[in-house]
Amino acid sequence: MEALYLLIPLSVVVVFIALWVYFTASDSGQFDDLVGPGLRVLQDDDTTVKPPAPGEPHA
């Protein structure tokens, strides 16, 4: 029973920390575009980077 005196306030603190992290991420725009990165994976990107010829400086 005495453990509840520690666990209940500790769980309330953890909930407030989780809410603070969620709202901080939400305010910073973390959840603005949830569809774009998933669609970007499906786009076909055929551009290739040619390696420099021997003797050419690297960019």
PDB file of N, CA and C in Angstrom:
ATOM      1  N   MET A   1       0.820  -1.197   0.000  1.00  0.00           N
ATOM      2  CA  MET A   1       0.000   0.000   0.000  1.00  0.00           C
ATOM      3  C   MET A   1       0.864   1.261   0.000  1.00  0.00           C
ATOM      4  N   GLU A   2       1.997   1.184   0.676  1.00  0.00           N
ATOM      5  CA  GLU A   2       2.869   2.370   0.726  1.00  0.00           C
ATOM      6  C   GLU A   2       3.495   2.668  -0.625  1.00  0.00           C
ATOM      7  N   ALA A   3       3.574   1.646  -1.486  1.00  0.00           N
ATOM      8  CA  ALA A   3       4.154   1.865  -2.817  1.00  0.00           C
ATOM      9  C   ALA A   3       3.276   2.787  -3.654  1.00  0.00           C
ATOM     10  N   LEU A   4       1.983   2.789  -3.383  1.00  0.00           N
ATOM     11  CA  LEU A   4       1.082   3.666  -4.137  1.00  0.00           C
ATOM     12  C   LEU A   4       1.364   5.133  -3.883  1.00  0.00           C
ATOM     13  N   TYR A   5       1.855   5.457  -2.706  1.00  0.00           N
ATOM     14  CA  TYR A   5       2.199   6.850  -2.406  1.00  0.00           C
ATOM     15  C   TYR A   5       3.334   7.343  -3.294  1.00  0.00           C
ATOM     16  N   LEU A   6       4.147   6.428  -3.791  1.00  0.00           N
ATOM     17  CA  LEU A   6       5.231   6.783  -4.706  1.00  0.00           C
ATOM     18  C   LEU A   6       4.787   6.633  -6.161  1.00  0.00           C
ATOM     19  N   LEU A   7       4.065   5.559  -6.474  1.00  0.00           N
ATOM     20  CA  LEU A   7       3.755   5.243  -7.864  1.00  0.00           C
ATOM     21  C   LEU A   7       2.712   6.182  -8.478  1.00  0.00           C
ATOM     22  N   ILE A   8       1.727   6.602  -7.724  1.00  0.00           N
ATOM     23  CA  ILE A   8       0.693   7.478  -8.284  1.00  0.00           C
ATOM     24  C   ILE A   8       1.260   8.845  -8.658  1.00  0.00           C
ATOM     25  N   PRO A   9       1.992   9.536  -7.783  1.00  0.00           N
ATOM     26  CA  PRO A   9       2.583  10.815  -8.231  1.00  0.00           C
ATOM     27  C   PRO A   9       3.607  10.629  -9.354  1.00  0.00           C
ATOM     28  N   LEU A  10       4.354   9.538  -9.319  1.00  0.00           N
ATOM     29  CA  LEU A  10       5.330   9.276 -10.371  1.00  0.00           C
ATOM     30  C   LEU A  10       4.635   9.071 -11.721  1.00  0.00           C
ATOM     31  N   SER A  11       3.519   8.355 -11.727  1.00  0.00           N
ATOM     32  CA  SER A  11       2.802   8.138 -12.983  1.00  0.00           C
ATOM     33  C   SER A  11       2.178   9.435 -13.487  1.00  0.00           C
ATOM     34  N   VAL A  12       1.728  10.290 -12.592  1.00  0.00           N
ATOM     35  CA  VAL A  12       1.182  11.584 -13.014  1.00  0.00           C
ATOM     36  C   VAL A  12       2.279  12.440 -13.645  1.00  0.00           C
ATOM     37  N   VAL A  13       3.462  12.419 -13.071  1.00  0.00           N
ATOM     38  CA  VAL A  13       4.594  13.164 -13.631  1.00  0.00           C
ATOM     39  C   VAL A  13       4.955  12.622 -15.007  1.00  0.00           C
ATOM     40  N   VAL A  14       4.956  11.307 -15.173  1.00  0.00           N
ATOM     41  CA  VAL A  14       5.279  10.700 -16.469  1.00  0.00           C
ATOM     42  C   VAL A  14       4.242  11.085 -17.516  1.00  0.00           C
ATOM     43  N   VAL A  15       2.976  11.118 -17.151  1.00  0.00           N
ATOM     44  CA  VAL A  15       1.926  11.521 -18.089  1.00  0.00           C
ATOM     45  C   VAL A  15       2.112  12.973 -18.507  1.00  0.00           C
ATOM     46  N   PHE A  16       2.422  13.857 -17.565  1.00  0.00           N
ATOM     47  CA  PHE A  16       2.638  15.255 -17.923  1.00  0.00           C
ATOM     48  C   PHE A  16       3.871  15.427 -18.811  1.00  0.00           C
ATOM     49  N   ILE A  17       4.904  14.657 -18.580  1.00  0.00           N
ATOM     50  CA  ILE A  17       6.091  14.725 -19.446  1.00  0.00           C
ATOM     51  C   ILE A  17       5.747  14.245 -20.851  1.00  0.00           C
ATOM     52  N   ALA A  18       4.978  13.158 -20.950  1.00  0.00           N
ATOM     53  CA  ALA A  18       4.579  12.645 -22.265  1.00  0.00           C
ATOM     54  C   ALA A  18       3.710  13.666 -23.007  1.00  0.00           C
ATOM     55  N   LEU A  19       2.803  14.307 -22.312  1.00  0.00           N
ATOM     56  CA  LEU A  19       1.973  15.340 -22.939  1.00  0.00           C
ATOM     57  C   LEU A  19       2.811  16.532 -23.380  1.00  0.00           C
ATOM     58  N   TRP A  20       3.770  16.918 -22.571  1.00  0.00           N
ATOM     59  CA  TRP A  20       4.642  18.037 -22.936  1.00  0.00           C
ATOM     60  C   TRP A  20       5.451  17.704 -24.193  1.00  0.00           C
ATOM     61  N   VAL A  21       5.988  16.482 -24.270  1.00  0.00           N
ATOM     62  CA  VAL A  21       6.754  16.073 -25.449  1.00  0.00           C
ATOM     63  C   VAL A  21       5.860  16.064 -26.685  1.00  0.00           C
ATOM     64  N   TYR A  22       4.647  15.546 -26.552  1.00  0.00           N
ATOM     65  CA  TYR A  22       3.720  15.498 -27.688  1.00  0.00           C
ATOM     66  C   TYR A  22       3.371  16.899 -28.183  1.00  0.00           C
ATOM     67  N   PHE A  23       3.003  17.792 -27.282  1.00  0.00           N
ATOM     68  CA  PHE A  23       2.603  19.130 -27.709  1.00  0.00           C
ATOM     69  C   PHE A  23       3.790  19.947 -28.211  1.00  0.00           C
ATOM     70  N   THR A  24       4.975  19.710 -27.686  1.00  0.00           N
ATOM     71  CA  THR A  24       6.167  20.383 -28.211  1.00  0.00           C
ATOM     72  C   THR A  24       6.445  19.938 -29.642  1.00  0.00           C
ATOM     73  N   ALA A  25       6.334  18.637 -29.896  1.00  0.00           N
ATOM     74  CA  ALA A  25       6.534  18.132 -31.249  1.00  0.00           C
ATOM     75  C   ALA A  25       5.445  18.636 -32.185  1.00  0.00           C
ATOM     76  N   SER A  26       4.234  18.711 -31.691  1.00  0.00           N
ATOM     77  CA  SER A  26       3.131  19.202 -32.515  1.00  0.00           C
ATOM     78  C   SER A  26       3.302  20.680 -32.861  1.00  0.00           C
ATOM     79  N   ASP A  27       3.740  21.473 -31.910  1.00  0.00           N
ATOM     80  CA  ASP A  27       3.948  22.902 -32.163  1.00  0.00           C
ATOM     81  C   ASP A  27       5.100  23.163 -33.120  1.00  0.00           C
ATOM     82  N   SER A  28       6.104  22.281 -33.124  1.00  0.00           N
ATOM     83  CA  SER A  28       7.250  22.492 -33.996  1.00  0.00           C
ATOM     84  C   SER A  28       7.017  21.983 -35.410  1.00  0.00           C
ATOM     85  N   GLY A  29       5.832  21.419 -35.680  1.00  0.00           N
ATOM     86  CA  GLY A  29       5.505  20.981 -37.036  1.00  0.00           C
ATOM     87  C   GLY A  29       5.908  19.557 -37.333  1.00  0.00           C
ATOM     88  N   GLN A  30       6.142  18.752 -36.338  1.00  0.00           N
ATOM     89  CA  GLN A  30       6.580  17.382 -36.535  1.00  0.00           C
ATOM     90  C   GLN A  30       5.526  16.549 -37.268  1.00  0.00           C
ATOM     91  N   PHE A  31       4.255  16.843 -37.074  1.00  0.00           N
ATOM     92  CA  PHE A  31       3.190  16.029 -37.635  1.00  0.00           C
ATOM     93  C   PHE A  31       2.477  16.720 -38.790  1.00  0.00           C
ATOM     94  N   ASP A  32       3.106  17.690 -39.438  1.00  0.00           N
ATOM     95  CA  ASP A  32       2.446  18.443 -40.501  1.00  0.00           C
ATOM     96  C   ASP A  32       2.205  17.603 -41.750  1.00  0.00           C
ATOM     97  N   ASP A  33       3.209  16.885 -42.221  1.00  0.00           N
ATOM     98  CA  ASP A  33       3.093  16.130 -43.471  1.00  0.00           C
ATOM     99  C   ASP A  33       3.362  14.660 -43.194  1.00  0.00           C
ATOM    100  N   LEU A  34       2.293  13.894 -43.022  1.00  0.00           N
ATOM    101  CA  LEU A  34       2.451  12.472 -42.741  1.00  0.00           C
ATOM    102  C   LEU A  34       2.406  11.630 -44.008  1.00  0.00           C
ATOM    103  N   VAL A  35       1.906  12.175 -45.112  1.00  0.00           N
ATOM    104  CA  VAL A  35       1.738  11.409 -46.340  1.00  0.00           C
ATOM    105  C   VAL A  35       2.940  11.569 -47.268  1.00  0.00           C
ATOM    106  N   GLY A  36       3.541  12.758 -47.297  1.00  0.00           N
ATOM    107  CA  GLY A  36       4.611  13.060 -48.240  1.00  0.00           C
ATOM    108  C   GLY A  36       5.797  12.116 -48.201  1.00  0.00           C
ATOM    109  N   PRO A  37       6.383  11.827 -47.040  1.00  0.00           N
ATOM    110  CA  PRO A  37       7.536  10.923 -47.029  1.00  0.00           C
ATOM    111  C   PRO A  37       7.206   9.516 -47.529  1.00  0.00           C
ATOM    112  N   GLY A  38       5.992   9.046 -47.272  1.00  0.00           N
ATOM    113  CA  GLY A  38       5.608   7.725 -47.774  1.00  0.00           C
ATOM    114  C   GLY A  38       5.468   7.700 -49.280  1.00  0.00           C
ATOM    115  N   LEU A  39       4.977   8.798 -49.861  1.00  0.00           N
ATOM    116  CA  LEU A  39       4.855   8.858 -51.313  1.00  0.00           C
ATOM    117  C   LEU A  39       6.193   9.104 -51.988  1.00  0.00           C
ATOM    118  N   ARG A  40       7.082   9.812 -51.321  1.00  0.00           N
ATOM    119  CA  ARG A  40       8.397  10.086 -51.885  1.00  0.00           C
ATOM    120  C   ARG A  40       9.190   8.803 -52.096  1.00  0.00           C
ATOM    121  N   VAL A  41       8.951   7.788 -51.266  1.00  0.00           N
ATOM    122  CA  VAL A  41       9.643   6.507 -51.418  1.00  0.00           C
ATOM    123  C   VAL A  41       9.222   5.832 -52.711  1.00  0.00           C
ATOM    124  N   LEU A  42       7.978   6.026 -53.120  1.00  0.00           N
ATOM    125  CA  LEU A  42       7.462   5.356 -54.306  1.00  0.00           C
ATOM    126  C   LEU A  42       7.846   6.036 -55.604  1.00  0.00           C
ATOM    127  N   GLN A  43       8.322   7.270 -55.566  1.00  0.00           N
ATOM    128  CA  GLN A  43       8.682   7.984 -56.794  1.00  0.00           C
ATOM    129  C   GLN A  43       9.952   7.387 -57.385  1.00  0.00           C
ATOM    130  N   ASP A  44       9.930   7.251 -58.693  1.00  0.00           N
ATOM    131  CA  ASP A  44      11.063   6.684 -59.397  1.00  0.00           C
ATOM    132  C   ASP A  44      12.090   7.786 -59.668  1.00  0.00           C
ATOM    133  N   ASP A  45      13.291   7.590 -59.186  1.00  0.00           N
ATOM    134  CA  ASP A  45      14.352   8.571 -59.367  1.00  0.00           C
ATOM    135  C   ASP A  45      15.471   7.908 -60.157  1.00  0.00           C
ATOM    136  N   ASP A  46      15.529   8.196 -61.464  1.00  0.00           N
ATOM    137  CA  ASP A  46      16.516   7.562 -62.329  1.00  0.00           C
ATOM    138  C   ASP A  46      17.796   8.358 -62.471  1.00  0.00           C
ATOM    139  N   THR A  47      17.945   9.444 -61.752  1.00  0.00           N
ATOM    140  CA  THR A  47      19.169  10.218 -61.879  1.00  0.00           C
ATOM    141  C   THR A  47      20.312   9.476 -61.199  1.00  0.00           C
ATOM    142  N   THR A  48      21.424   9.464 -61.858  1.00  0.00           N
ATOM    143  CA  THR A  48      22.613   8.821 -61.292  1.00  0.00           C
ATOM    144  C   THR A  48      23.740   9.837 -61.238  1.00  0.00           C
ATOM    145  N   VAL A  49      24.605   9.661 -60.320  1.00  0.00           N
ATOM    146  CA  VAL A  49      25.761  10.538 -60.169  1.00  0.00           C
ATOM    147  C   VAL A  49      26.951   9.816 -60.775  1.00  0.00           C
ATOM    148  N   LYS A  50      27.548  10.462 -61.780  1.00  0.00           N
ATOM    149  CA  LYS A  50      28.709   9.849 -62.414  1.00  0.00           C
ATOM    150  C   LYS A  50      29.951  10.103 -61.563  1.00  0.00           C
ATOM    151  N   PRO A  51      30.744   9.078 -61.346  1.00  0.00           N
ATOM    152  CA  PRO A  51      31.988   9.305 -60.597  1.00  0.00           C
ATOM    153  C   PRO A  51      32.954  10.136 -61.431  1.00  0.00           C
ATOM    154  N   PRO A  52      33.792  10.908 -60.778  1.00  0.00           N
ATOM    155  CA  PRO A  52      34.746  11.736 -61.551  1.00  0.00           C
ATOM    156  C   PRO A  52      35.762  10.861 -62.273  1.00  0.00           C
ATOM    157  N   ALA A  53      36.170  11.360 -63.433  1.00  0.00           N
ATOM    158  CA  ALA A  53      37.173  10.646 -64.208  1.00  0.00           C
ATOM    159  C   ALA A  53      38.508  10.677 -63.462  1.00  0.00           C
ATOM    160  N   PRO A  54      39.353   9.712 -63.729  1.00  0.00           N
ATOM    161  CA  PRO A  54      40.673   9.718 -63.061  1.00  0.00           C
ATOM    162  C   PRO A  54      41.430  11.001 -63.379  1.00  0.00           C
ATOM    163  N   GLY A  55      41.960  11.613 -62.364  1.00  0.00           N
ATOM    164  CA  GLY A  55      42.711  12.851 -62.514  1.00  0.00           C
ATOM    165  C   GLY A  55      41.867  14.103 -62.295  1.00  0.00           C
ATOM    166  N   GLU A  56      40.538  13.986 -62.284  1.00  0.00           N
ATOM    167  CA  GLU A  56      39.673  15.134 -62.021  1.00  0.00           C
ATOM    168  C   GLU A  56      39.539  15.333 -60.524  1.00  0.00           C
ATOM    169  N   PRO A  57      39.477  16.589 -60.096  1.00  0.00           N
ATOM    170  CA  PRO A  57      39.287  16.809 -58.654  1.00  0.00           C
ATOM    171  C   PRO A  57      37.869  16.461 -58.244  1.00  0.00           C
ATOM    172  N   HIS A  58      37.744  16.020 -57.002  1.00  0.00           N
ATOM    173  CA  HIS A  58      36.426  15.687 -56.481  1.00  0.00           C
ATOM    174  C   HIS A  58      35.694  16.970 -56.099  1.00  0.00           C
ATOM    175  N   ALA A  59      34.382  16.980 -56.344  1.00  0.00           N
ATOM    176  CA  ALA A  59      33.583  18.172 -56.037  1.00  0.00           C
ATOM    177  C   ALA A  59      33.204  18.214 -54.578  1.00  0.00           C
TER     178      ALA A  59
END
